[in-house]
Amino acid sequence: KTSLMKVLLGYSDYQEGNFTSIRQDESHSNIGALIENPGLYPFMSGYDNLKLLNESNSTNPINQITDELKMNKYIHNKVKTYSLGMKQKLGIAIAFLNSPKLII
């Protein structure tokens, strides 16, 4: 399932029984995706992870997303203290972060 999702999103290519990575292009900026586990920096807070990936450099989308996902109680804690569910919710927040047209 994961490999299929990566191929559909253009993150990898499947040819003759082999998967290869593909560089992302501009079209990927319109897609937000969470496949398996999000890549997070465990010694940074969830908020700092969001700031790092926020292309607009404004805190408005971060605050709006964390409010809507009810993450405010723990968003400033280090990610290494998060439960699996909290990490997955942070991954969802990252998928929403830059207002993509499509979220998977």
PDB file of N, CA and C in Angstrom:
ATOM      1  N   LYS A   1       0.823  -1.194   0.000  1.00  0.00           N
ATOM      2  CA  LYS A   1       0.000   0.000   0.000  1.00  0.00           C
ATOM      3  C   LYS A   1       0.864   1.252   0.000  1.00  0.00           C
ATOM      4  N   THR A   2       1.901   1.246   0.823  1.00  0.00           N
ATOM      5  CA  THR A   2       2.773   2.416   0.907  1.00  0.00           C
ATOM      6  C   THR A   2       3.460   2.685  -0.426  1.00  0.00           C
ATOM      7  N   SER A   3       3.982   1.645  -1.036  1.00  0.00           N
ATOM      8  CA  SER A   3       4.668   1.811  -2.325  1.00  0.00           C
ATOM      9  C   SER A   3       3.715   2.337  -3.388  1.00  0.00           C
ATOM     10  N   LEU A   4       2.495   1.831  -3.401  1.00  0.00           N
ATOM     11  CA  LEU A   4       1.496   2.303  -4.359  1.00  0.00           C
ATOM     12  C   LEU A   4       1.205   3.785  -4.146  1.00  0.00           C
ATOM     13  N   MET A   5       1.044   4.189  -2.895  1.00  0.00           N
ATOM     14  CA  MET A   5       0.783   5.605  -2.608  1.00  0.00           C
ATOM     15  C   MET A   5       1.946   6.476  -3.071  1.00  0.00           C
ATOM     16  N   LYS A   6       3.171   6.030  -2.848  1.00  0.00           N
ATOM     17  CA  LYS A   6       4.345   6.796  -3.275  1.00  0.00           C
ATOM     18  C   LYS A   6       4.404   6.917  -4.790  1.00  0.00           C
ATOM     19  N   VAL A   7       4.048   5.860  -5.502  1.00  0.00           N
ATOM     20  CA  VAL A   7       4.027   5.920  -6.958  1.00  0.00           C
ATOM     21  C   VAL A   7       2.934   6.877  -7.422  1.00  0.00           C
ATOM     22  N   LEU A   8       1.743   6.788  -6.843  1.00  0.00           N
ATOM     23  CA  LEU A   8       0.636   7.667  -7.238  1.00  0.00           C
ATOM     24  C   LEU A   8       0.952   9.141  -6.988  1.00  0.00           C
ATOM     25  N   LEU A   9       1.690   9.408  -5.908  1.00  0.00           N
ATOM     26  CA  LEU A   9       2.065  10.783  -5.585  1.00  0.00           C
ATOM     27  C   LEU A   9       3.292  11.252  -6.356  1.00  0.00           C
ATOM     28  N   GLY A  10       3.962  10.341  -7.043  1.00  0.00           N
ATOM     29  CA  GLY A  10       5.138  10.712  -7.805  1.00  0.00           C
ATOM     30  C   GLY A  10       6.407  10.759  -6.984  1.00  0.00           C
ATOM     31  N   TYR A  11       6.377  10.196  -5.777  1.00  0.00           N
ATOM     32  CA  TYR A  11       7.570  10.182  -4.931  1.00  0.00           C
ATOM     33  C   TYR A  11       8.525   9.067  -5.323  1.00  0.00           C
ATOM     34  N   SER A  12       8.018   8.057  -6.022  1.00  0.00           N
ATOM     35  CA  SER A  12       8.874   6.982  -6.518  1.00  0.00           C
ATOM     36  C   SER A  12       8.292   6.458  -7.820  1.00  0.00           C
ATOM     37  N   ASP A  13       9.095   5.688  -8.523  1.00  0.00           N
ATOM     38  CA  ASP A  13       8.705   5.158  -9.818  1.00  0.00           C
ATOM     39  C   ASP A  13       8.843   3.638  -9.774  1.00  0.00           C
ATOM     40  N   TYR A  14       7.986   2.958 -10.478  1.00  0.00           N
ATOM     41  CA  TYR A  14       8.018   1.494 -10.523  1.00  0.00           C
ATOM     42  C   TYR A  14       8.232   1.071 -11.964  1.00  0.00           C
ATOM     43  N   GLN A  15       9.379   0.438 -12.211  1.00  0.00           N
ATOM     44  CA  GLN A  15       9.662  -0.062 -13.551  1.00  0.00           C
ATOM     45  C   GLN A  15      10.340  -1.416 -13.439  1.00  0.00           C
ATOM     46  N   GLU A  16       9.817  -2.361 -14.150  1.00  0.00           N
ATOM     47  CA  GLU A  16      10.399  -3.700 -14.224  1.00  0.00           C
ATOM     48  C   GLU A  16      10.663  -4.307 -12.842  1.00  0.00           C
ATOM     49  N   GLY A  17       9.721  -4.136 -11.938  1.00  0.00           N
ATOM     50  CA  GLY A  17       9.823  -4.751 -10.624  1.00  0.00           C
ATOM     51  C   GLY A  17      10.679  -4.001  -9.623  1.00  0.00           C
ATOM     52  N   ASN A  18      11.155  -2.799  -9.964  1.00  0.00           N
ATOM     53  CA  ASN A  18      11.993  -2.018  -9.052  1.00  0.00           C
ATOM     54  C   ASN A  18      11.396  -0.651  -8.788  1.00  0.00           C
ATOM     55  N   PHE A  19      11.531  -0.213  -7.538  1.00  0.00           N
ATOM     56  CA  PHE A  19      11.098   1.121  -7.154  1.00  0.00           C
ATOM     57  C   PHE A  19      12.316   2.033  -7.102  1.00  0.00           C
ATOM     58  N   THR A  20      12.177   3.237  -7.645  1.00  0.00           N
ATOM     59  CA  THR A  20      13.244   4.227  -7.571  1.00  0.00           C
ATOM     60  C   THR A  20      12.665   5.555  -7.106  1.00  0.00           C
ATOM     61  N   SER A  21      13.458   6.353  -6.422  1.00  0.00           N
ATOM     62  CA  SER A  21      13.008   7.669  -5.956  1.00  0.00           C
ATOM     63  C   SER A  21      12.992   8.656  -7.116  1.00  0.00           C
ATOM     64  N   ILE A  22      12.069   9.594  -7.027  1.00  0.00           N
ATOM     65  CA  ILE A  22      11.947  10.647  -8.028  1.00  0.00           C
ATOM     66  C   ILE A  22      12.055  11.987  -7.307  1.00  0.00           C
ATOM     67  N   ARG A  23      12.704  12.914  -7.936  1.00  0.00           N
ATOM     68  CA  ARG A  23      12.763  14.260  -7.356  1.00  0.00           C
ATOM     69  C   ARG A  23      11.383  14.901  -7.429  1.00  0.00           C
ATOM     70  N   GLN A  24      11.067  15.675  -6.419  1.00  0.00           N
ATOM     71  CA  GLN A  24       9.791  16.375  -6.433  1.00  0.00           C
ATOM     72  C   GLN A  24       9.910  17.620  -7.301  1.00  0.00           C
ATOM     73  N   ASP A  25       8.800  17.980  -7.957  1.00  0.00           N
ATOM     74  CA  ASP A  25       8.794  19.197  -8.748  1.00  0.00           C
ATOM     75  C   ASP A  25       7.748  20.145  -8.189  1.00  0.00           C
ATOM     76  N   GLU A  26       7.480  21.214  -8.902  1.00  0.00           N
ATOM     77  CA  GLU A  26       6.560  22.243  -8.415  1.00  0.00           C
ATOM     78  C   GLU A  26       5.147  21.721  -8.181  1.00  0.00           C
ATOM     79  N   SER A  27       4.717  20.715  -8.933  1.00  0.00           N
ATOM     80  CA  SER A  27       3.353  20.204  -8.772  1.00  0.00           C
ATOM     81  C   SER A  27       3.135  19.597  -7.393  1.00  0.00           C
ATOM     82  N   HIS A  28       4.210  19.155  -6.736  1.00  0.00           N
ATOM     83  CA  HIS A  28       4.072  18.551  -5.413  1.00  0.00           C
ATOM     84  C   HIS A  28       3.749  19.580  -4.338  1.00  0.00           C
ATOM     85  N   SER A  29       3.930  20.860  -4.616  1.00  0.00           N
ATOM     86  CA  SER A  29       3.590  21.876  -3.621  1.00  0.00           C
ATOM     87  C   SER A  29       2.081  21.988  -3.449  1.00  0.00           C
ATOM     88  N   ASN A  30       1.310  21.394  -4.360  1.00  0.00           N
ATOM     89  CA  ASN A  30      -0.151  21.417  -4.269  1.00  0.00           C
ATOM     90  C   ASN A  30      -0.707  20.190  -3.565  1.00  0.00           C
ATOM     91  N   ILE A  31       0.173  19.298  -3.090  1.00  0.00           N
ATOM     92  CA  ILE A  31      -0.267  18.060  -2.457  1.00  0.00           C
ATOM     93  C   ILE A  31       0.297  17.975  -1.051  1.00  0.00           C
ATOM     94  N   GLY A  32      -0.578  17.677  -0.096  1.00  0.00           N
ATOM     95  CA  GLY A  32      -0.151  17.382   1.264  1.00  0.00           C
ATOM     96  C   GLY A  32      -0.428  15.913   1.519  1.00  0.00           C
ATOM     97  N   ALA A  33       0.551  15.191   2.038  1.00  0.00           N
ATOM     98  CA  ALA A  33       0.364  13.757   2.220  1.00  0.00           C
ATOM     99  C   ALA A  33       1.018  13.293   3.515  1.00  0.00           C
ATOM    100  N   LEU A  34       0.398  12.288   4.124  1.00  0.00           N
ATOM    101  CA  LEU A  34       0.978  11.620   5.281  1.00  0.00           C
ATOM    102  C   LEU A  34       0.964  10.137   4.956  1.00  0.00           C
ATOM    103  N   ILE A  35       2.139   9.614   4.632  1.00  0.00           N
ATOM    104  CA  ILE A  35       2.280   8.196   4.295  1.00  0.00           C
ATOM    105  C   ILE A  35       3.126   7.570   5.389  1.00  0.00           C
ATOM    106  N   GLU A  36       2.586   6.561   6.046  1.00  0.00           N
ATOM    107  CA  GLU A  36       3.232   5.892   7.173  1.00  0.00           C
ATOM    108  C   GLU A  36       3.463   6.885   8.300  1.00  0.00           C
ATOM    109  N   ASN A  37       4.714   7.052   8.703  1.00  0.00           N
ATOM    110  CA  ASN A  37       5.035   7.937   9.828  1.00  0.00           C
ATOM    111  C   ASN A  37       5.646   9.230   9.318  1.00  0.00           C
ATOM    112  N   PRO A  38       5.241  10.352   9.880  1.00  0.00           N
ATOM    113  CA  PRO A  38       5.827  11.613   9.438  1.00  0.00           C
ATOM    114  C   PRO A  38       7.286  11.727   9.870  1.00  0.00           C
ATOM    115  N   GLY A  39       8.096  12.377   9.059  1.00  0.00           N
ATOM    116  CA  GLY A  39       9.484  12.641   9.420  1.00  0.00           C
ATOM    117  C   GLY A  39       9.531  13.870  10.315  1.00  0.00           C
ATOM    118  N   LEU A  40       9.805  13.665  11.581  1.00  0.00           N
ATOM    119  CA  LEU A  40       9.789  14.756  12.554  1.00  0.00           C
ATOM    120  C   LEU A  40      11.141  14.883  13.237  1.00  0.00           C
ATOM    121  N   TYR A  41      11.443  16.069  13.707  1.00  0.00           N
ATOM    122  CA  TYR A  41      12.651  16.304  14.486  1.00  0.00           C
ATOM    123  C   TYR A  41      12.295  16.139  15.957  1.00  0.00           C
ATOM    124  N   PRO A  42      12.717  15.043  16.606  1.00  0.00           N
ATOM    125  CA  PRO A  42      12.258  14.716  17.955  1.00  0.00           C
ATOM    126  C   PRO A  42      12.720  15.676  19.047  1.00  0.00           C
ATOM    127  N   PHE A  43      13.837  16.358  18.843  1.00  0.00           N
ATOM    128  CA  PHE A  43      14.333  17.249  19.892  1.00  0.00           C
ATOM    129  C   PHE A  43      13.842  18.682  19.725  1.00  0.00           C
ATOM    130  N   MET A  44      12.981  18.891  18.732  1.00  0.00           N
ATOM    131  CA  MET A  44      12.315  20.186  18.549  1.00  0.00           C
ATOM    132  C   MET A  44      10.865  20.031  18.999  1.00  0.00           C
ATOM    133  N   SER A  45      10.242  21.139  19.323  1.00  0.00           N
ATOM    134  CA  SER A  45       8.820  21.087  19.674  1.00  0.00           C
ATOM    135  C   SER A  45       8.002  20.858  18.404  1.00  0.00           C
ATOM    136  N   GLY A  46       6.767  20.453  18.598  1.00  0.00           N
ATOM    137  CA  GLY A  46       5.869  20.310  17.460  1.00  0.00           C
ATOM    138  C   GLY A  46       5.700  21.631  16.739  1.00  0.00           C
ATOM    139  N   TYR A  47       5.614  22.709  17.517  1.00  0.00           N
ATOM    140  CA  TYR A  47       5.461  24.051  16.946  1.00  0.00           C
ATOM    141  C   TYR A  47       6.670  24.398  16.079  1.00  0.00           C
ATOM    142  N   ASP A  48       7.869  24.091  16.576  1.00  0.00           N
ATOM    143  CA  ASP A  48       9.082  24.384  15.813  1.00  0.00           C
ATOM    144  C   ASP A  48       9.173  23.528  14.551  1.00  0.00           C
ATOM    145  N   ASN A  49       8.693  22.288  14.602  1.00  0.00           N
ATOM    146  CA  ASN A  49       8.628  21.461  13.398  1.00  0.00           C
ATOM    147  C   ASN A  49       7.725  22.127  12.363  1.00  0.00           C
ATOM    148  N   LEU A  50       6.587  22.635  12.800  1.00  0.00           N
ATOM    149  CA  LEU A  50       5.665  23.311  11.886  1.00  0.00           C
ATOM    150  C   LEU A  50       6.287  24.594  11.339  1.00  0.00           C
ATOM    151  N   LYS A  51       6.949  25.354  12.187  1.00  0.00           N
ATOM    152  CA  LYS A  51       7.603  26.596  11.732  1.00  0.00           C
ATOM    153  C   LYS A  51       8.655  26.301  10.670  1.00  0.00           C
ATOM    154  N   LEU A  52       9.406  25.236  10.866  1.00  0.00           N
ATOM    155  CA  LEU A  52      10.467  24.866   9.935  1.00  0.00           C
ATOM    156  C   LEU A  52       9.909  24.550   8.547  1.00  0.00           C
ATOM    157  N   LEU A  53       8.747  23.935   8.495  1.00  0.00           N
ATOM    158  CA  LEU A  53       8.161  23.507   7.222  1.00  0.00           C
ATOM    159  C   LEU A  53       7.166  24.497   6.635  1.00  0.00           C
ATOM    160  N   ASN A  54       6.917  25.579   7.341  1.00  0.00           N
ATOM    161  CA  ASN A  54       5.942  26.575   6.902  1.00  0.00           C
ATOM    162  C   ASN A  54       6.562  27.482   5.840  1.00  0.00           C
ATOM    163  N   GLU A  55       6.065  27.403   4.633  1.00  0.00           N
ATOM    164  CA  GLU A  55       6.609  28.198   3.539  1.00  0.00           C
ATOM    165  C   GLU A  55       6.224  29.667   3.620  1.00  0.00           C
ATOM    166  N   SER A  56       5.144  30.002   4.285  1.00  0.00           N
ATOM    167  CA  SER A  56       4.685  31.394   4.323  1.00  0.00           C
ATOM    168  C   SER A  56       5.411  32.233   5.373  1.00  0.00           C
ATOM    169  N   ASN A  57       6.123  31.585   6.295  1.00  0.00           N
ATOM    170  CA  ASN A  57       6.824  32.276   7.389  1.00  0.00           C
ATOM    171  C   ASN A  57       5.894  33.086   8.277  1.00  0.00           C
ATOM    172  N   SER A  58       4.608  32.822   8.209  1.00  0.00           N
ATOM    173  CA  SER A  58       3.629  33.460   9.075  1.00  0.00           C
ATOM    174  C   SER A  58       3.162  32.436  10.107  1.00  0.00           C
ATOM    175  N   THR A  59       2.919  32.897  11.326  1.00  0.00           N
ATOM    176  CA  THR A  59       2.432  31.974  12.350  1.00  0.00           C
ATOM    177  C   THR A  59       0.929  31.762  12.262  1.00  0.00           C
ATOM    178  N   ASN A  60       0.235  32.545  11.447  1.00  0.00           N
ATOM    179  CA  ASN A  60      -1.225  32.419  11.348  1.00  0.00           C
ATOM    180  C   ASN A  60      -1.687  31.018  10.948  1.00  0.00           C
ATOM    181  N   PRO A  61      -1.131  30.416   9.873  1.00  0.00           N
ATOM    182  CA  PRO A  61      -1.623  29.075   9.529  1.00  0.00           C
ATOM    183  C   PRO A  61      -1.295  28.046  10.611  1.00  0.00           C
ATOM    184  N   ILE A  62      -0.156  28.196  11.263  1.00  0.00           N
ATOM    185  CA  ILE A  62       0.216  27.262  12.325  1.00  0.00           C
ATOM    186  C   ILE A  62      -0.781  27.350  13.467  1.00  0.00           C
ATOM    187  N   ASN A  63      -1.063  28.556  13.905  1.00  0.00           N
ATOM    188  CA  ASN A  63      -2.004  28.732  15.015  1.00  0.00           C
ATOM    189  C   ASN A  63      -3.401  28.251  14.654  1.00  0.00           C
ATOM    190  N   GLN A  64      -3.835  28.506  13.437  1.00  0.00           N
ATOM    191  CA  GLN A  64      -5.169  28.066  13.001  1.00  0.00           C
ATOM    192  C   GLN A  64      -5.251  26.541  12.975  1.00  0.00           C
ATOM    193  N   ILE A  65      -4.232  25.897  12.421  1.00  0.00           N
ATOM    194  CA  ILE A  65      -4.236  24.433  12.324  1.00  0.00           C
ATOM    195  C   ILE A  65      -4.180  23.799  13.708  1.00  0.00           C
ATOM    196  N   THR A  66      -3.294  24.291  14.572  1.00  0.00           N
ATOM    197  CA  THR A  66      -3.178  23.698  15.911  1.00  0.00           C
ATOM    198  C   THR A  66      -4.447  23.925  16.726  1.00  0.00           C
ATOM    199  N   ASP A  67      -5.122  25.050  16.508  1.00  0.00           N
ATOM    200  CA  ASP A  67      -6.406  25.284  17.177  1.00  0.00           C
ATOM    201  C   ASP A  67      -7.455  24.288  16.691  1.00  0.00           C
ATOM    202  N   GLU A  68      -7.564  24.140  15.376  1.00  0.00           N
ATOM    203  CA  GLU A  68      -8.572  23.252  14.802  1.00  0.00           C
ATOM    204  C   GLU A  68      -8.337  21.789  15.175  1.00  0.00           C
ATOM    205  N   LEU A  69      -7.067  21.385  15.271  1.00  0.00           N
ATOM    206  CA  LEU A  69      -6.751  20.004  15.619  1.00  0.00           C
ATOM    207  C   LEU A  69      -6.614  19.796  17.130  1.00  0.00           C
ATOM    208  N   LYS A  70      -6.878  20.854  17.902  1.00  0.00           N
ATOM    209  CA  LYS A  70      -6.831  20.799  19.375  1.00  0.00           C
ATOM    210  C   LYS A  70      -5.486  20.259  19.875  1.00  0.00           C
ATOM    211  N   MET A  71      -4.417  20.897  19.412  1.00  0.00           N
ATOM    212  CA  MET A  71      -3.062  20.488  19.761  1.00  0.00           C
ATOM    213  C   MET A  71      -2.375  21.466  20.717  1.00  0.00           C
ATOM    214  N   ASN A  72      -3.089  22.495  21.136  1.00  0.00           N
ATOM    215  CA  ASN A  72      -2.454  23.581  21.892  1.00  0.00           C
ATOM    216  C   ASN A  72      -1.872  23.152  23.237  1.00  0.00           C
ATOM    217  N   LYS A  73      -2.394  22.088  23.837  1.00  0.00           N
ATOM    218  CA  LYS A  73      -1.891  21.661  25.147  1.00  0.00           C
ATOM    219  C   LYS A  73      -0.464  21.129  25.076  1.00  0.00           C
ATOM    220  N   TYR A  74      -0.075  20.591  23.914  1.00  0.00           N
ATOM    221  CA  TYR A  74       1.238  19.948  23.835  1.00  0.00           C
ATOM    222  C   TYR A  74       2.107  20.422  22.670  1.00  0.00           C
ATOM    223  N   ILE A  75       1.639  21.344  21.860  1.00  0.00           N
ATOM    224  CA  ILE A  75       2.356  21.731  20.645  1.00  0.00           C
ATOM    225  C   ILE A  75       3.735  22.316  20.936  1.00  0.00           C
ATOM    226  N   HIS A  76       3.949  22.866  22.127  1.00  0.00           N
ATOM    227  CA  HIS A  76       5.253  23.457  22.467  1.00  0.00           C
ATOM    228  C   HIS A  76       6.172  22.477  23.196  1.00  0.00           C
ATOM    229  N   ASN A  77       5.721  21.233  23.395  1.00  0.00           N
ATOM    230  CA  ASN A  77       6.567  20.190  23.997  1.00  0.00           C
ATOM    231  C   ASN A  77       7.438  19.566  22.911  1.00  0.00           C
ATOM    232  N   LYS A  78       8.558  18.990  23.328  1.00  0.00           N
ATOM    233  CA  LYS A  78       9.430  18.308  22.368  1.00  0.00           C
ATOM    234  C   LYS A  78       8.710  17.085  21.798  1.00  0.00           C
ATOM    235  N   VAL A  79       8.879  16.855  20.518  1.00  0.00           N
ATOM    236  CA  VAL A  79       8.203  15.759  19.826  1.00  0.00           C
ATOM    237  C   VAL A  79       8.583  14.405  20.424  1.00  0.00           C
ATOM    238  N   LYS A  80       9.785  14.269  20.966  1.00  0.00           N
ATOM    239  CA  LYS A  80      10.192  12.976  21.530  1.00  0.00           C
ATOM    240  C   LYS A  80       9.307  12.557  22.706  1.00  0.00           C
ATOM    241  N   THR A  81       8.548  13.478  23.274  1.00  0.00           N
ATOM    242  CA  THR A  81       7.641  13.151  24.376  1.00  0.00           C
ATOM    243  C   THR A  81       6.234  12.808  23.885  1.00  0.00           C
ATOM    244  N   TYR A  82       5.983  12.939  22.605  1.00  0.00           N
ATOM    245  CA  TYR A  82       4.655  12.713  22.041  1.00  0.00           C
ATOM    246  C   TYR A  82       4.330  11.221  21.967  1.00  0.00           C
ATOM    247  N   SER A  83       3.062  10.901  22.115  1.00  0.00           N
ATOM    248  CA  SER A  83       2.579   9.544  21.848  1.00  0.00           C
ATOM    249  C   SER A  83       2.508   9.355  20.335  1.00  0.00           C
ATOM    250  N   LEU A  84       2.290   8.130  19.898  1.00  0.00           N
ATOM    251  CA  LEU A  84       2.169   7.857  18.468  1.00  0.00           C
ATOM    252  C   LEU A  84       1.030   8.670  17.855  1.00  0.00           C
ATOM    253  N   GLY A  85      -0.094   8.720  18.535  1.00  0.00           N
ATOM    254  CA  GLY A  85      -1.236   9.480  18.028  1.00  0.00           C
ATOM    255  C   GLY A  85      -0.943  10.971  17.904  1.00  0.00           C
ATOM    256  N   MET A  86      -0.205  11.509  18.863  1.00  0.00           N
ATOM    257  CA  MET A  86       0.168  12.928  18.811  1.00  0.00           C
ATOM    258  C   MET A  86       1.106  13.195  17.629  1.00  0.00           C
ATOM    259  N   LYS A  87       2.025  12.270  17.380  1.00  0.00           N
ATOM    260  CA  LYS A  87       2.942  12.411  16.241  1.00  0.00           C
ATOM    261  C   LYS A  87       2.175  12.337  14.926  1.00  0.00           C
ATOM    262  N   GLN A  88       1.206  11.439  14.854  1.00  0.00           N
ATOM    263  CA  GLN A  88       0.416  11.334  13.639  1.00  0.00           C
ATOM    264  C   GLN A  88      -0.430  12.583  13.424  1.00  0.00           C
ATOM    265  N   LYS A  89      -0.941  13.136  14.498  1.00  0.00           N
ATOM    266  CA  LYS A  89      -1.719  14.372  14.378  1.00  0.00           C
ATOM    267  C   LYS A  89      -0.822  15.517  13.915  1.00  0.00           C
ATOM    268  N   LEU A  90       0.418  15.554  14.409  1.00  0.00           N
ATOM    269  CA  LEU A  90       1.375  16.561  13.937  1.00  0.00           C
ATOM    270  C   LEU A  90       1.655  16.359  12.449  1.00  0.00           C
ATOM    271  N   GLY A  91       1.748  15.109  12.009  1.00  0.00           N
ATOM    272  CA  GLY A  91       1.922  14.820  10.592  1.00  0.00           C
ATOM    273  C   GLY A  91       0.751  15.331   9.765  1.00  0.00           C
ATOM    274  N   ILE A  92      -0.454  15.202  10.299  1.00  0.00           N
ATOM    275  CA  ILE A  92      -1.642  15.726   9.615  1.00  0.00           C
ATOM    276  C   ILE A  92      -1.569  17.251   9.544  1.00  0.00           C
ATOM    277  N   ALA A  93      -1.143  17.871  10.632  1.00  0.00           N
ATOM    278  CA  ALA A  93      -0.985  19.329  10.650  1.00  0.00           C
ATOM    279  C   ALA A  93       0.023  19.770   9.589  1.00  0.00           C
ATOM    280  N   ILE A  94       1.112  19.019   9.445  1.00  0.00           N
ATOM    281  CA  ILE A  94       2.114  19.333   8.435  1.00  0.00           C
ATOM    282  C   ILE A  94       1.513  19.203   7.037  1.00  0.00           C
ATOM    283  N   ALA A  95       0.684  18.182   6.816  1.00  0.00           N
ATOM    284  CA  ALA A  95       0.040  17.999   5.512  1.00  0.00           C
ATOM    285  C   ALA A  95      -0.855  19.190   5.164  1.00  0.00           C
ATOM    286  N   PHE A  96      -1.496  19.797   6.163  1.00  0.00           N
ATOM    287  CA  PHE A  96      -2.374  20.945   5.945  1.00  0.00           C
ATOM    288  C   PHE A  96      -1.619  22.272   5.870  1.00  0.00           C
ATOM    289  N   LEU A  97      -0.383  22.289   6.302  1.00  0.00           N
ATOM    290  CA  LEU A  97       0.347  23.519   6.583  1.00  0.00           C
ATOM    291  C   LEU A  97       0.393  24.532   5.456  1.00  0.00           C
ATOM    292  N   ASN A  98       0.722  24.130   4.269  1.00  0.00           N
ATOM    293  CA  ASN A  98       0.920  25.097   3.193  1.00  0.00           C
ATOM    294  C   ASN A  98      -0.261  25.175   2.227  1.00  0.00           C
ATOM    295  N   SER A  99      -1.452  24.900   2.756  1.00  0.00           N
ATOM    296  CA  SER A  99      -2.719  25.003   2.016  1.00  0.00           C
ATOM    297  C   SER A  99      -2.692  24.273   0.681  1.00  0.00           C
ATOM    298  N   PRO A 100      -2.395  22.977   0.701  1.00  0.00           N
ATOM    299  CA  PRO A 100      -2.376  22.234  -0.575  1.00  0.00           C
ATOM    300  C   PRO A 100      -3.783  22.081  -1.140  1.00  0.00           C
ATOM    301  N   LYS A 101      -3.844  21.858  -2.439  1.00  0.00           N
ATOM    302  CA  LYS A 101      -5.125  21.641  -3.092  1.00  0.00           C
ATOM    303  C   LYS A 101      -5.649  20.223  -2.846  1.00  0.00           C
ATOM    304  N   LEU A 102      -4.736  19.280  -2.586  1.00  0.00           N
ATOM    305  CA  LEU A 102      -5.092  17.887  -2.377  1.00  0.00           C
ATOM    306  C   LEU A 102      -4.350  17.376  -1.156  1.00  0.00           C
ATOM    307  N   ILE A 103      -5.059  16.701  -0.256  1.00  0.00           N
ATOM    308  CA  ILE A 103      -4.438  16.090   0.919  1.00  0.00           C
ATOM    309  C   ILE A 103      -4.769  14.612   0.914  1.00  0.00           C
ATOM    310  N   ILE A 104      -3.710  13.790   1.073  1.00  0.00           N
ATOM    311  CA  ILE A 104      -3.880  12.340   1.094  1.00  0.00           C
ATOM    312  C   ILE A 104      -3.335  11.832   2.415  1.00  0.00           C
TER     313      ILE A 104
END
